C-alpha atoms as a PDB file:
ATOM      1  CA  MET A   1     108.101  86.091 120.045  1.00  0.00           C
ATOM      2  CA  SER A   2     104.470  86.578 121.144  1.00  0.00           C
ATOM      3  CA  LYS A   3     103.433  87.354 117.571  1.00  0.00           C
ATOM      4  CA  GLU A   4     105.014  84.137 116.332  1.00  0.00           C
ATOM      5  CA  LYS A   5     103.237  82.141 119.055  1.00  0.00           C
ATOM      6  CA  LEU A   6      99.911  83.766 118.168  1.00  0.00           C
ATOM      7  CA  ALA A   7     100.495  82.916 114.514  1.00  0.00           C
ATOM      8  CA  SER A   8     101.233  79.321 115.512  1.00  0.00           C
ATOM      9  CA  LEU A   9      98.002  79.181 117.526  1.00  0.00           C
ATOM     10  CA  ARG A  10      96.017  80.413 114.537  1.00  0.00           C
ATOM     11  CA  GLU A  11      97.613  77.850 112.267  1.00  0.00           C
ATOM     12  CA  SER A  12      97.194  74.907 114.649  1.00  0.00           C
ATOM     13  CA  GLY A  13      93.586  75.860 115.412  1.00  0.00           C
ATOM     14  CA  TYR A  14      91.655  76.074 118.660  1.00  0.00           C
ATOM     15  CA  ASP A  15      88.160  75.650 120.053  1.00  0.00           C
ATOM     16  CA  PHE A  16      86.198  76.573 123.172  1.00  0.00           C
ATOM     17  CA  ASP A  17      82.978  75.736 124.954  1.00  0.00           C
ATOM     18  CA  ILE A  18      80.738  78.817 125.204  1.00  0.00           C
ATOM     19  CA  GLN A  19      78.556  77.389 127.958  1.00  0.00           C
ATOM     20  CA  GLU A  20      81.559  76.454 130.073  1.00  0.00           C
ATOM     21  CA  ILE A  21      83.056  79.947 129.670  1.00  0.00           C
ATOM     22  CA  PHE A  22      79.924  81.607 131.025  1.00  0.00           C
ATOM     23  CA  ILE A  23      79.608  79.129 133.888  1.00  0.00           C
ATOM     24  CA  ARG A  24      83.151  80.010 134.910  1.00  0.00           C
ATOM     25  CA  ALA A  25      82.423  83.724 134.471  1.00  0.00           C
ATOM     26  CA  TRP A  26      79.462  83.369 136.844  1.00  0.00           C
ATOM     27  CA  GLN A  27      81.691  81.571 139.340  1.00  0.00           C
ATOM     28  CA  MET A  28      84.261  84.344 139.015  1.00  0.00           C
ATOM     29  CA  TYR A  29      81.588  86.963 139.633  1.00  0.00           C
ATOM     30  CA  LEU A  30      80.522  85.107 142.796  1.00  0.00           C
ATOM     31  CA  LYS A  31      84.034  85.569 144.195  1.00  0.00           C
ATOM     32  CA  GLU A  32      83.534  89.355 144.279  1.00  0.00           C
ATOM     33  CA  PRO A  33      79.817  90.020 143.705  1.00  0.00           C
ATOM     34  CA  LEU A  34      79.490  93.167 145.811  1.00  0.00           C
ATOM     35  CA  GLN A  35      82.568  94.925 144.477  1.00  0.00           C
ATOM     36  CA  SER A  36      81.816  93.907 140.881  1.00  0.00           C
ATOM     37  CA  SER A  37      78.236  95.198 141.009  1.00  0.00           C
ATOM     38  CA  ALA A  38      79.223  98.289 142.995  1.00  0.00           C
ATOM     39  CA  PHE A  39      81.693  99.234 140.273  1.00  0.00           C
ATOM     40  CA  VAL A  40      78.983  98.911 137.618  1.00  0.00           C
ATOM     41  CA  MET A  41      76.818 101.220 139.725  1.00  0.00           C
ATOM     42  CA  PHE A  42      79.695 103.688 139.938  1.00  0.00           C
ATOM     43  CA  ILE A  43      80.130 103.734 136.146  1.00  0.00           C
ATOM     44  CA  PHE A  44      76.388 104.105 135.565  1.00  0.00           C
ATOM     45  CA  SER A  45      76.250 106.919 138.137  1.00  0.00           C
ATOM     46  CA  LEU A  46      78.947 108.828 136.261  1.00  0.00           C
ATOM     47  CA  GLN A  47      77.039 108.358 133.019  1.00  0.00           C
ATOM     48  CA  LEU A  48      73.799 109.565 134.635  1.00  0.00           C
ATOM     49  CA  LEU A  49      75.459 112.609 136.179  1.00  0.00           C
ATOM     50  CA  ALA A  50      77.035 113.500 132.844  1.00  0.00           C
ATOM     51  CA  PHE A  51      73.656 113.179 131.119  1.00  0.00           C
ATOM     52  CA  LEU A  52      71.831 115.270 133.729  1.00  0.00           C
ATOM     53  CA  TYR A  53      74.337 118.069 134.284  1.00  0.00           C
ATOM     54  CA  LEU A  54      76.593 118.062 131.242  1.00  0.00           C
ATOM     55  CA  LYS A  55      74.135 116.975 128.594  1.00  0.00           C
ATOM     56  CA  ASP A  56      75.939 118.701 125.732  1.00  0.00           C
ATOM     57  CA  PHE A  57      79.212 117.049 126.712  1.00  0.00           C
ATOM     58  CA  ALA A  58      77.936 113.703 127.997  1.00  0.00           C
ATOM     59  CA  PHE A  59      79.458 111.903 125.027  1.00  0.00           C
ATOM     60  CA  LEU A  60      82.907 112.924 126.266  1.00  0.00           C
ATOM     61  CA  GLN A  61      82.422 110.738 129.326  1.00  0.00           C
ATOM     62  CA  SER A  62      81.829 107.683 127.148  1.00  0.00           C
ATOM     63  CA  ILE A  63      84.908 108.502 125.066  1.00  0.00           C
ATOM     64  CA  PHE A  64      87.435 109.440 127.735  1.00  0.00           C
ATOM     65  CA  LEU A  65      86.312 107.687 130.930  1.00  0.00           C
ATOM     66  CA  SER A  66      84.278 104.615 130.027  1.00  0.00           C
ATOM     67  CA  PRO A  67      87.073 102.711 128.199  1.00  0.00           C
ATOM     68  CA  PRO A  68      89.560 102.555 131.112  1.00  0.00           C
ATOM     69  CA  LEU A  69      86.755 102.080 133.641  1.00  0.00           C
ATOM     70  CA  TYR A  70      85.226  99.068 131.906  1.00  0.00           C
ATOM     71  CA  SER A  71      88.714  97.684 131.211  1.00  0.00           C
ATOM     72  CA  GLY A  72      89.208  97.513 134.963  1.00  0.00           C
ATOM     73  CA  PHE A  73      87.097  94.355 134.950  1.00  0.00           C
ATOM     74  CA  TYR A  74      89.816  92.609 132.947  1.00  0.00           C
ATOM     75  CA  LEU A  75      92.473  93.457 135.535  1.00  0.00           C
ATOM     76  CA  VAL A  76      90.247  92.284 138.368  1.00  0.00           C
ATOM     77  CA  ALA A  77      89.515  89.072 136.439  1.00  0.00           C
ATOM     78  CA  ASN A  78      93.256  88.521 136.118  1.00  0.00           C
ATOM     79  CA  LYS A  79      93.725  88.848 139.891  1.00  0.00           C
ATOM     80  CA  LEU A  80      90.806  86.524 140.567  1.00  0.00           C
ATOM     81  CA  SER A  81      92.228  83.994 138.127  1.00  0.00           C
ATOM     82  CA  LEU A  82      95.550  84.142 139.986  1.00  0.00           C
ATOM     83  CA  LYS A  83      93.674  83.729 143.301  1.00  0.00           C
ATOM     84  CA  GLN A  84      94.914  87.106 144.508  1.00  0.00           C
ATOM     85  CA  LYS A  85      92.996  89.358 146.878  1.00  0.00           C
ATOM     86  CA  VAL A  86      90.921  92.011 145.106  1.00  0.00           C
ATOM     87  CA  VAL A  87      90.444  95.486 146.555  1.00  0.00           C
ATOM     88  CA  TYR A  88      88.103  98.088 145.108  1.00  0.00           C
ATOM     89  CA  PRO A  89      90.878 100.340 143.682  1.00  0.00           C
ATOM     90  CA  ASP A  90      91.875  97.417 141.430  1.00  0.00           C
ATOM     91  CA  PHE A  91      88.835  98.204 139.286  1.00  0.00           C
ATOM     92  CA  PHE A  92      90.386 101.592 138.419  1.00  0.00           C
ATOM     93  CA  LYS A  93      93.698 100.202 137.203  1.00  0.00           C
ATOM     94  CA  GLY A  94      92.562 100.410 133.593  1.00  0.00           C
ATOM     95  CA  PHE A  95      93.840 104.007 133.833  1.00  0.00           C
ATOM     96  CA  ASN A  96      97.370 102.577 134.078  1.00  0.00           C
ATOM     97  CA  PHE A  97      96.949 101.626 130.402  1.00  0.00           C
ATOM     98  CA  TYR A  98      94.986 104.726 129.436  1.00  0.00           C
ATOM     99  CA  MET A  99      96.506 105.635 126.070  1.00  0.00           C
ATOM    100  CA  PRO A 100      96.360 102.223 124.343  1.00  0.00           C
ATOM    101  CA  ILE A 101      92.883 101.537 125.765  1.00  0.00           C
ATOM    102  CA  PHE A 102      91.591 104.950 124.669  1.00  0.00           C
ATOM    103  CA  ALA A 103      93.081 104.545 121.187  1.00  0.00           C
ATOM    104  CA  ILE A 104      91.669 101.035 120.783  1.00  0.00           C
ATOM    105  CA  TRP A 105      88.146 102.044 121.821  1.00  0.00           C
ATOM    106  CA  LEU A 106      88.132 105.207 119.705  1.00  0.00           C
ATOM    107  CA  ILE A 107      89.685 103.827 116.526  1.00  0.00           C
ATOM    108  CA  GLY A 108      87.912 100.485 116.875  1.00  0.00           C
ATOM    109  CA  GLN A 109      84.527 102.176 117.132  1.00  0.00           C
ATOM    110  CA  VAL A 110      85.288 104.487 114.205  1.00  0.00           C
ATOM    111  CA  LEU A 111      86.319 101.592 111.952  1.00  0.00           C
ATOM    112  CA  THR A 112      83.355  99.490 113.062  1.00  0.00           C
ATOM    113  CA  ALA A 113      80.906 102.356 112.493  1.00  0.00           C
ATOM    114  CA  PHE A 114      82.457 103.020 109.088  1.00  0.00           C
ATOM    115  CA  GLY A 115      82.020  99.353 108.179  1.00  0.00           C
ATOM    116  CA  LEU A 116      78.401  99.373 109.355  1.00  0.00           C
ATOM    117  CA  VAL A 117      77.610 102.481 107.315  1.00  0.00           C
ATOM    118  CA  LEU A 118      79.157 101.066 104.164  1.00  0.00           C
ATOM    119  CA  PHE A 119      78.004  97.464 104.012  1.00  0.00           C
ATOM    120  CA  VAL A 120      76.950  96.415 107.550  1.00  0.00           C
ATOM    121  CA  ILE A 121      78.756  93.062 107.316  1.00  0.00           C
ATOM    122  CA  PRO A 122      82.294  94.559 107.602  1.00  0.00           C
ATOM    123  CA  GLY A 123      81.149  96.488 110.658  1.00  0.00           C
ATOM    124  CA  VAL A 124      79.785  93.369 112.348  1.00  0.00           C
ATOM    125  CA  TYR A 125      82.962  91.498 111.457  1.00  0.00           C
ATOM    126  CA  LEU A 126      85.177  94.170 113.049  1.00  0.00           C
ATOM    127  CA  ALA A 127      82.973  94.553 116.133  1.00  0.00           C
ATOM    128  CA  VAL A 128      83.535  90.870 116.905  1.00  0.00           C
ATOM    129  CA  ALA A 129      87.121  90.687 115.676  1.00  0.00           C
ATOM    130  CA  TYR A 130      88.322  93.497 117.949  1.00  0.00           C
ATOM    131  CA  SER A 131      86.941  91.830 121.112  1.00  0.00           C
ATOM    132  CA  PHE A 132      90.415  90.935 122.386  1.00  0.00           C
ATOM    133  CA  SER A 133      92.106  94.230 121.475  1.00  0.00           C
ATOM    134  CA  VAL A 134      92.233  95.757 124.967  1.00  0.00           C
ATOM    135  CA  LEU A 135      93.322  92.424 126.436  1.00  0.00           C
ATOM    136  CA  MET A 136      96.102  92.158 123.862  1.00  0.00           C
ATOM    137  CA  ALA A 137      97.316  95.627 124.852  1.00  0.00           C
ATOM    138  CA  ILE A 138      97.148  95.045 128.618  1.00  0.00           C
ATOM    139  CA  PHE A 139      98.460  91.494 128.862  1.00  0.00           C
ATOM    140  CA  GLY A 140     100.369  91.203 125.594  1.00  0.00           C
ATOM    141  CA  GLY A 141     102.085  94.581 125.863  1.00  0.00           C
ATOM    142  CA  PHE A 142     101.284  95.499 122.267  1.00  0.00           C
ATOM    143  CA  ASP A 143     100.742  99.037 120.981  1.00  0.00           C
ATOM    144  CA  PHE A 144      97.126  99.847 120.121  1.00  0.00           C
ATOM    145  CA  TRP A 145      97.267  99.015 116.414  1.00  0.00           C
ATOM    146  CA  THR A 146      99.205  95.772 116.871  1.00  0.00           C
ATOM    147  CA  ALA A 147      96.765  94.783 119.641  1.00  0.00           C
ATOM    148  CA  MET A 148      93.817  95.391 117.313  1.00  0.00           C
ATOM    149  CA  GLU A 149      95.400  93.462 114.467  1.00  0.00           C
ATOM    150  CA  GLU A 150      96.446  90.505 116.623  1.00  0.00           C
ATOM    151  CA  SER A 151      92.917  90.369 118.062  1.00  0.00           C
ATOM    152  CA  ARG A 152      91.405  90.504 114.590  1.00  0.00           C
ATOM    153  CA  LYS A 153      93.648  87.781 113.200  1.00  0.00           C
ATOM    154  CA  LEU A 154      93.207  85.432 116.164  1.00  0.00           C
ATOM    155  CA  ILE A 155      89.425  85.796 116.297  1.00  0.00           C
ATOM    156  CA  THR A 156      89.054  85.528 112.520  1.00  0.00           C
ATOM    157  CA  ALA A 157      90.336  81.938 112.786  1.00  0.00           C
ATOM    158  CA  ARG A 158      87.072  81.026 114.570  1.00  0.00           C
ATOM    159  CA  TRP A 159      84.979  84.108 113.805  1.00  0.00           C
ATOM    160  CA  LEU A 160      81.577  82.399 113.693  1.00  0.00           C
ATOM    161  CA  LYS A 161      82.145  80.822 117.120  1.00  0.00           C
ATOM    162  CA  PHE A 162      83.139  84.229 118.491  1.00  0.00           C
ATOM    163  CA  PHE A 163      80.055  85.737 116.869  1.00  0.00           C
ATOM    164  CA  LEU A 164      77.902  83.266 118.811  1.00  0.00           C
ATOM    165  CA  PHE A 165      79.857  84.125 121.958  1.00  0.00           C
ATOM    166  CA  THR A 166      79.162  87.826 121.345  1.00  0.00           C
ATOM    167  CA  LEU A 167      75.463  87.115 120.771  1.00  0.00           C
ATOM    168  CA  VAL A 168      75.280  85.422 124.190  1.00  0.00           C
ATOM    169  CA  ILE A 169      76.834  88.518 125.757  1.00  0.00           C
ATOM    170  CA  ILE A 170      74.281  90.727 124.011  1.00  0.00           C
ATOM    171  CA  VAL A 171      71.380  88.511 125.100  1.00  0.00           C
ATOM    172  CA  ILE A 172      72.338  88.397 128.777  1.00  0.00           C
ATOM    173  CA  ASN A 173      72.741  92.180 128.839  1.00  0.00           C
ATOM    174  CA  VAL A 174      69.414  92.714 127.109  1.00  0.00           C
ATOM    175  CA  LEU A 175      67.821  90.470 129.718  1.00  0.00           C
ATOM    176  CA  GLY A 176      69.593  92.500 132.375  1.00  0.00           C
ATOM    177  CA  LEU A 177      68.176  95.683 130.883  1.00  0.00           C
ATOM    178  CA  LEU A 178      64.660  94.251 130.862  1.00  0.00           C
ATOM    179  CA  THR A 179      64.774  93.763 134.641  1.00  0.00           C
ATOM    180  CA  PHE A 180      64.566  97.554 135.062  1.00  0.00           C
ATOM    181  CA  GLY A 181      68.313  97.636 134.505  1.00  0.00           C
ATOM    182  CA  LEU A 182      69.074  95.849 137.768  1.00  0.00           C
ATOM    183  CA  GLY A 183      70.256  92.736 135.974  1.00  0.00           C
ATOM    184  CA  LEU A 184      73.005  94.786 134.334  1.00  0.00           C
ATOM    185  CA  LEU A 185      74.737  94.964 137.697  1.00  0.00           C
ATOM    186  CA  VAL A 186      75.412  91.251 137.231  1.00  0.00           C
ATOM    187  CA  SER A 187      75.440  90.805 133.450  1.00  0.00           C
ATOM    188  CA  VAL A 188      78.027  93.525 132.767  1.00  0.00           C
ATOM    189  CA  PRO A 189      80.741  92.044 135.028  1.00  0.00           C
ATOM    190  CA  ILE A 190      79.977  88.539 133.758  1.00  0.00           C
ATOM    191  CA  SER A 191      80.383  89.755 130.162  1.00  0.00           C
ATOM    192  CA  PHE A 192      83.863  91.117 130.850  1.00  0.00           C
ATOM    193  CA  TYR A 193      84.866  88.163 132.999  1.00  0.00           C
ATOM    194  CA  ALA A 194      83.759  85.729 130.286  1.00  0.00           C
ATOM    195  CA  THR A 195      85.794  87.599 127.671  1.00  0.00           C
ATOM    196  CA  TYR A 196      88.839  87.562 129.928  1.00  0.00           C
ATOM    197  CA  ILE A 197      88.471  83.849 130.694  1.00  0.00           C
ATOM    198  CA  LEU A 198      88.267  83.005 127.008  1.00  0.00           C
ATOM    199  CA  PHE A 199      91.280  85.187 126.250  1.00  0.00           C
ATOM    200  CA  GLU A 200      93.286  83.614 129.061  1.00  0.00           C
ATOM    201  CA  ASP A 201      92.373  80.091 127.965  1.00  0.00           C
ATOM    202  CA  LEU A 202      93.651  80.749 124.466  1.00  0.00           C
ATOM    203  CA  THR A 203      96.769  82.768 125.286  1.00  0.00           C
ATOM    204  CA  LYS A 204      97.945  81.642 128.752  1.00  0.00           C
ATOM    205  CA  ASP A 205     100.942  79.809 127.290  1.00  0.00           C
ATOM    206  CA  ILE A 206     101.759  82.741 124.996  1.00  0.00           C
ATOM    207  CA  PHE A 207     101.696  85.498 127.604  1.00  0.00           C
ATOM    208  CA  ALA A 208     102.718  83.340 130.595  1.00  0.00           C
ATOM    209  CA  GLU A 209     105.666  85.592 131.324  1.00  0.00           C
END
């Protein structure tokens, strides 16, 4: 049923206001600024420790731990959207969906990298088109490949608009990096919250149950 509703959404068309999405993402961040930024610090600390003490295996951290950790922002965003109380352990609930999240991140990055190596443009297309994949798996209940395909098909309907949305995310994180990295403590949560808000706006009637 969800697939049919997603197909109907693609056929009927949709639009969104990028500026409004990021304003709402900022407002969402302000509901839990300390916990959101503290979780970014936790993730960065793990990455630093892996680099310093397990340099030869540091890449394993980014493959096996980073995907479910960063996905925790989506689950927190969902609770904030529902006006539910957020506690710090909520940020770790991405591990409840470990296998589909891991598969999506791994296979998505492989396909994107392959596209970049071959012709660049296919890689950029896939990098943007898979933006909703983890959200489709968590909130749509799809297996990893279906989640990736449903994300790709939905985003392709307005790919250029999503490309601009992705560019804004890149810019705010680059600006965060330029402030000695401190700005990333804010820009990273906002990036995930904005993606969640956009996903929810488009699919709230489809995945309401």
